[in-house]
Amino acid sequence: MSRTTKLTSVEVCAGAGGQAIGLERAGFEHVALVEIEEQFCNTLRLNRPRWNVVQADLNKFDARLYEGIDLLAGGVLALPFRKQANNWGV
């Protein structure tokens, strides 16, 4: 039995899109990619203009808007590349 529709996903902490590209290649359709950092959002929008990139703090992000998705994916925080890392003593 084959699927006629793509699986859907929302990715939080999307970064510059590495995981999102992998999920896209695996057949997922991104409903939203959520990232707080402006430069990463700009990169995502430049490289994939059709993606719904949401610049937001996860503490204020309303995930209820995306009820019914197939996958909630989360990017692993790359501490050395985040400006907040210095504040954490890393």
Protein backbone atom coordinates (compact mmCIF):
# COMPACT_ATOMS: atom_id res chain seq x y z
CA MET A 1 0.00 0.00 0.00
CA SER A 2 1.50 3.33 -0.98
CA ARG A 3 0.85 6.69 0.61
CA THR A 4 -0.73 9.31 -1.63
CA THR A 5 0.07 12.24 0.65
CA LYS A 6 3.36 13.28 2.19
CA LEU A 7 4.02 13.03 5.87
CA THR A 8 4.02 16.43 7.57
CA SER A 9 6.42 17.88 10.10
CA VAL A 10 7.14 20.85 12.31
CA GLU A 11 10.76 21.33 13.28
CA VAL A 12 11.77 23.39 16.30
CA CYS A 13 15.28 24.77 16.78
CA ALA A 14 15.70 24.39 13.03
CA GLY A 15 19.06 26.14 12.82
CA ALA A 16 20.29 26.60 9.26
CA GLY A 17 18.27 23.63 7.99
CA GLY A 18 20.48 20.56 7.96
CA GLN A 19 17.96 18.27 9.61
CA ALA A 20 15.12 19.87 7.62
CA ILE A 21 16.87 19.02 4.34
CA GLY A 22 17.29 15.43 5.48
CA LEU A 23 13.62 15.19 6.42
CA GLU A 24 12.63 16.72 3.09
CA ARG A 25 14.72 14.12 1.28
CA ALA A 26 13.02 11.43 3.36
CA GLY A 27 9.67 12.62 2.05
CA PHE A 28 8.42 14.97 4.75
CA GLU A 29 6.59 18.17 3.92
CA HIS A 30 7.47 20.92 6.40
CA VAL A 31 4.46 22.70 7.80
CA ALA A 32 6.74 25.01 9.81
CA LEU A 33 10.37 25.43 10.80
CA VAL A 34 10.76 27.34 14.05
CA GLU A 35 14.00 29.13 14.91
CA ILE A 36 14.76 32.03 17.24
CA GLU A 37 17.97 33.26 15.57
CA GLU A 38 17.38 35.80 12.80
CA GLN A 39 20.44 34.83 10.75
CA PHE A 40 19.34 31.20 10.63
CA CYS A 41 15.82 32.22 9.63
CA ASN A 42 17.26 34.35 6.84
CA THR A 43 19.36 31.41 5.63
CA LEU A 44 16.34 29.10 5.62
CA ARG A 45 14.23 31.62 3.72
CA LEU A 46 16.98 32.23 1.16
CA ASN A 47 17.68 28.55 0.51
CA ARG A 48 14.09 27.29 0.68
CA PRO A 49 11.68 30.16 -0.07
CA ARG A 50 8.66 27.83 -0.03
CA TRP A 51 9.24 26.72 3.56
CA ASN A 52 7.20 28.34 6.32
CA VAL A 53 9.96 29.73 8.54
CA VAL A 54 8.72 31.05 11.87
CA GLN A 55 11.09 33.21 13.89
CA ALA A 56 9.95 32.64 17.45
CA ASP A 57 10.99 31.90 21.00
CA LEU A 58 9.75 28.41 21.88
CA ASN A 59 8.50 29.74 25.22
CA LYS A 60 6.00 31.82 23.25
CA PHE A 61 5.38 29.51 20.27
CA ASP A 62 1.82 28.17 20.00
CA ALA A 63 2.16 24.62 18.69
CA ARG A 64 -1.60 24.09 18.80
CA LEU A 65 -1.73 25.73 15.38
CA TYR A 66 -0.05 22.62 13.98
CA GLU A 67 -2.17 19.91 15.58
CA GLY A 68 -2.31 16.75 13.51
CA ILE A 69 1.21 16.79 12.06
CA ASP A 70 2.97 13.46 11.65
CA LEU A 71 6.32 14.46 13.18
CA LEU A 72 7.57 17.03 15.66
CA ALA A 73 11.32 17.23 15.08
CA GLY A 74 13.82 19.07 17.25
CA GLY A 75 17.27 20.20 16.25
CA VAL A 76 20.10 19.48 18.64
CA LEU A 77 21.57 22.66 20.08
CA ALA A 78 25.05 23.24 18.64
CA LEU A 79 26.54 25.03 21.63
CA PRO A 80 29.81 26.21 20.07
CA PHE A 81 27.90 27.98 17.33
CA ARG A 82 25.32 29.77 19.47
CA LYS A 83 26.10 33.17 20.94
CA GLN A 84 24.36 32.13 24.17
CA ALA A 85 27.02 29.47 24.72
CA ASN A 86 29.34 32.04 26.26
CA ASN A 87 26.72 32.81 28.87
CA TRP A 88 26.59 29.14 29.82
CA GLY A 89 30.34 28.93 30.35
CA VAL A 90 30.87 26.63 27.38
